[in-house]
């Protein structure tokens, strides 16, 4: 099956500092590059959350565009869901 375009917004915890949030993102960036092609990466940085998540009021935001096989997003979301330091994510097909 042909590769499809996706966009993901990732929100990382800044509880242990912005450096850890950036390091966490680097792991996911490498995962995307391993299974597909990384496109535009938009680093929004630290921002206030609309509502507290796990008693945290700030998050570190990234918006990532990538191309991958249709099987990859499910695995990507599974790994995001079980990783400490990921507050929220949204992964959509473009």
C-alpha atoms as a PDB file:
ATOM      1  CA  UNK A   1       0.000   0.000   0.000  1.00  0.00           C
ATOM      2  CA  UNK A   2       1.205   3.518  -0.710  1.00  0.00           C
ATOM      3  CA  UNK A   3       2.552   5.809   1.995  1.00  0.00           C
ATOM      4  CA  UNK A   4       0.191   8.501   3.306  1.00  0.00           C
ATOM      5  CA  UNK A   5       0.720  11.956   4.782  1.00  0.00           C
ATOM      6  CA  UNK A   6       0.098  12.525   8.477  1.00  0.00           C
ATOM      7  CA  UNK A   7       0.285  15.361  10.960  1.00  0.00           C
ATOM      8  CA  UNK A   8       0.826  14.916  14.683  1.00  0.00           C
ATOM      9  CA  UNK A   9       0.657  17.405  17.541  1.00  0.00           C
ATOM     10  CA  UNK A  10       2.630  16.273  20.559  1.00  0.00           C
ATOM     11  CA  UNK A  11       2.481  17.879  24.004  1.00  0.00           C
ATOM     12  CA  UNK A  12       5.256  16.931  26.412  1.00  0.00           C
ATOM     13  CA  UNK A  13       5.533  17.516  30.150  1.00  0.00           C
ATOM     14  CA  UNK A  14       7.860  20.303  31.290  1.00  0.00           C
ATOM     15  CA  UNK A  15       7.782  19.069  34.902  1.00  0.00           C
ATOM     16  CA  UNK A  16      11.440  17.967  34.618  1.00  0.00           C
ATOM     17  CA  UNK A  17      12.531  20.836  32.371  1.00  0.00           C
ATOM     18  CA  UNK A  18      12.308  21.764  28.713  1.00  0.00           C
ATOM     19  CA  UNK A  19      15.499  19.817  27.970  1.00  0.00           C
ATOM     20  CA  UNK A  20      13.774  16.556  28.888  1.00  0.00           C
ATOM     21  CA  UNK A  21      10.778  17.460  26.709  1.00  0.00           C
ATOM     22  CA  UNK A  22      13.129  18.093  23.780  1.00  0.00           C
ATOM     23  CA  UNK A  23      15.002  14.835  24.436  1.00  0.00           C
ATOM     24  CA  UNK A  24      11.680  12.983  24.507  1.00  0.00           C
ATOM     25  CA  UNK A  25      10.757  14.531  21.165  1.00  0.00           C
ATOM     26  CA  UNK A  26      14.067  13.444  19.644  1.00  0.00           C
ATOM     27  CA  UNK A  27      13.149   9.814  20.404  1.00  0.00           C
ATOM     28  CA  UNK A  28       9.854  10.168  18.519  1.00  0.00           C
ATOM     29  CA  UNK A  29      11.559  12.020  15.675  1.00  0.00           C
ATOM     30  CA  UNK A  30      13.964   9.080  15.304  1.00  0.00           C
ATOM     31  CA  UNK A  31      11.021   6.645  15.381  1.00  0.00           C
ATOM     32  CA  UNK A  32       9.282   8.532  12.563  1.00  0.00           C
ATOM     33  CA  UNK A  33      12.493   8.651  10.513  1.00  0.00           C
ATOM     34  CA  UNK A  34      12.952   4.901  10.999  1.00  0.00           C
ATOM     35  CA  UNK A  35       9.444   4.070   9.690  1.00  0.00           C
ATOM     36  CA  UNK A  36       8.769   6.909   7.262  1.00  0.00           C
ATOM     37  CA  UNK A  37       9.842  10.318   6.029  1.00  0.00           C
ATOM     38  CA  UNK A  38       9.901  13.296   8.359  1.00  0.00           C
ATOM     39  CA  UNK A  39       8.494  16.490   6.886  1.00  0.00           C
ATOM     40  CA  UNK A  40       8.024  19.889   8.484  1.00  0.00           C
ATOM     41  CA  UNK A  41       8.669  20.125  12.249  1.00  0.00           C
ATOM     42  CA  UNK A  42       7.147  23.146  13.968  1.00  0.00           C
ATOM     43  CA  UNK A  43       8.407  23.628  17.526  1.00  0.00           C
ATOM     44  CA  UNK A  44       5.934  25.820  19.412  1.00  0.00           C
ATOM     45  CA  UNK A  45       7.827  25.574  22.675  1.00  0.00           C
ATOM     46  CA  UNK A  46       6.426  25.883  26.185  1.00  0.00           C
ATOM     47  CA  UNK A  47       2.832  27.093  26.418  1.00  0.00           C
ATOM     48  CA  UNK A  48       0.064  27.222  28.973  1.00  0.00           C
ATOM     49  CA  UNK A  49      -2.420  24.348  28.726  1.00  0.00           C
ATOM     50  CA  UNK A  50      -6.129  25.119  28.368  1.00  0.00           C
ATOM     51  CA  UNK A  51      -6.742  22.972  31.462  1.00  0.00           C
ATOM     52  CA  UNK A  52      -4.472  21.107  33.893  1.00  0.00           C
ATOM     53  CA  UNK A  53      -3.397  17.604  32.842  1.00  0.00           C
ATOM     54  CA  UNK A  54      -2.036  15.443  35.691  1.00  0.00           C
ATOM     55  CA  UNK A  55      -1.777  18.632  37.794  1.00  0.00           C
ATOM     56  CA  UNK A  56       0.468  20.284  35.184  1.00  0.00           C
ATOM     57  CA  UNK A  57      -0.426  23.661  33.697  1.00  0.00           C
ATOM     58  CA  UNK A  58       2.285  23.969  31.003  1.00  0.00           C
ATOM     59  CA  UNK A  59       3.320  21.769  28.103  1.00  0.00           C
ATOM     60  CA  UNK A  60       5.965  21.730  25.380  1.00  0.00           C
ATOM     61  CA  UNK A  61       4.339  21.604  21.945  1.00  0.00           C
ATOM     62  CA  UNK A  62       5.489  20.192  18.606  1.00  0.00           C
ATOM     63  CA  UNK A  63       3.616  19.859  15.315  1.00  0.00           C
ATOM     64  CA  UNK A  64       5.141  17.276  12.987  1.00  0.00           C
ATOM     65  CA  UNK A  65       4.284  16.367   9.409  1.00  0.00           C
ATOM     66  CA  UNK A  66       5.408  12.974   8.147  1.00  0.00           C
ATOM     67  CA  UNK A  67       4.801  10.347   5.489  1.00  0.00           C
ATOM     68  CA  UNK A  68       4.524   6.674   6.425  1.00  0.00           C
ATOM     69  CA  UNK A  69       2.825   3.409   5.604  1.00  0.00           C
ATOM     70  CA  UNK A  70      -0.778   3.163   6.925  1.00  0.00           C
ATOM     71  CA  UNK A  71       0.234   0.599   9.597  1.00  0.00           C
ATOM     72  CA  UNK A  72       2.684   2.940  11.350  1.00  0.00           C
ATOM     73  CA  UNK A  73       0.355   5.541  12.981  1.00  0.00           C
ATOM     74  CA  UNK A  74      -1.327   2.937  15.203  1.00  0.00           C
ATOM     75  CA  UNK A  75       2.047   1.785  16.535  1.00  0.00           C
ATOM     76  CA  UNK A  76       3.203   5.411  16.872  1.00  0.00           C
ATOM     77  CA  UNK A  77       0.115   6.252  18.967  1.00  0.00           C
ATOM     78  CA  UNK A  78       0.580   3.123  21.092  1.00  0.00           C
ATOM     79  CA  UNK A  79       4.144   4.133  21.944  1.00  0.00           C
ATOM     80  CA  UNK A  80       3.087   7.743  22.632  1.00  0.00           C
ATOM     81  CA  UNK A  81       0.373   6.482  24.966  1.00  0.00           C
ATOM     82  CA  UNK A  82       2.739   4.438  27.140  1.00  0.00           C
ATOM     83  CA  UNK A  83       5.637   6.920  27.275  1.00  0.00           C
ATOM     84  CA  UNK A  84       6.159   8.932  30.460  1.00  0.00           C
ATOM     85  CA  UNK A  85       6.356  12.641  29.763  1.00  0.00           C
ATOM     86  CA  UNK A  86       3.769  12.690  26.955  1.00  0.00           C
ATOM     87  CA  UNK A  87       0.772  14.690  28.163  1.00  0.00           C
ATOM     88  CA  UNK A  88      -1.352  14.607  24.995  1.00  0.00           C
ATOM     89  CA  UNK A  89      -1.089  13.824  21.307  1.00  0.00           C
ATOM     90  CA  UNK A  90      -3.250  14.033  18.223  1.00  0.00           C
ATOM     91  CA  UNK A  91      -2.300  12.165  15.074  1.00  0.00           C
ATOM     92  CA  UNK A  92      -4.323  12.769  11.897  1.00  0.00           C
ATOM     93  CA  UNK A  93      -4.219  11.704   8.265  1.00  0.00           C
ATOM     94  CA  UNK A  94      -3.942  14.693   5.945  1.00  0.00           C
END
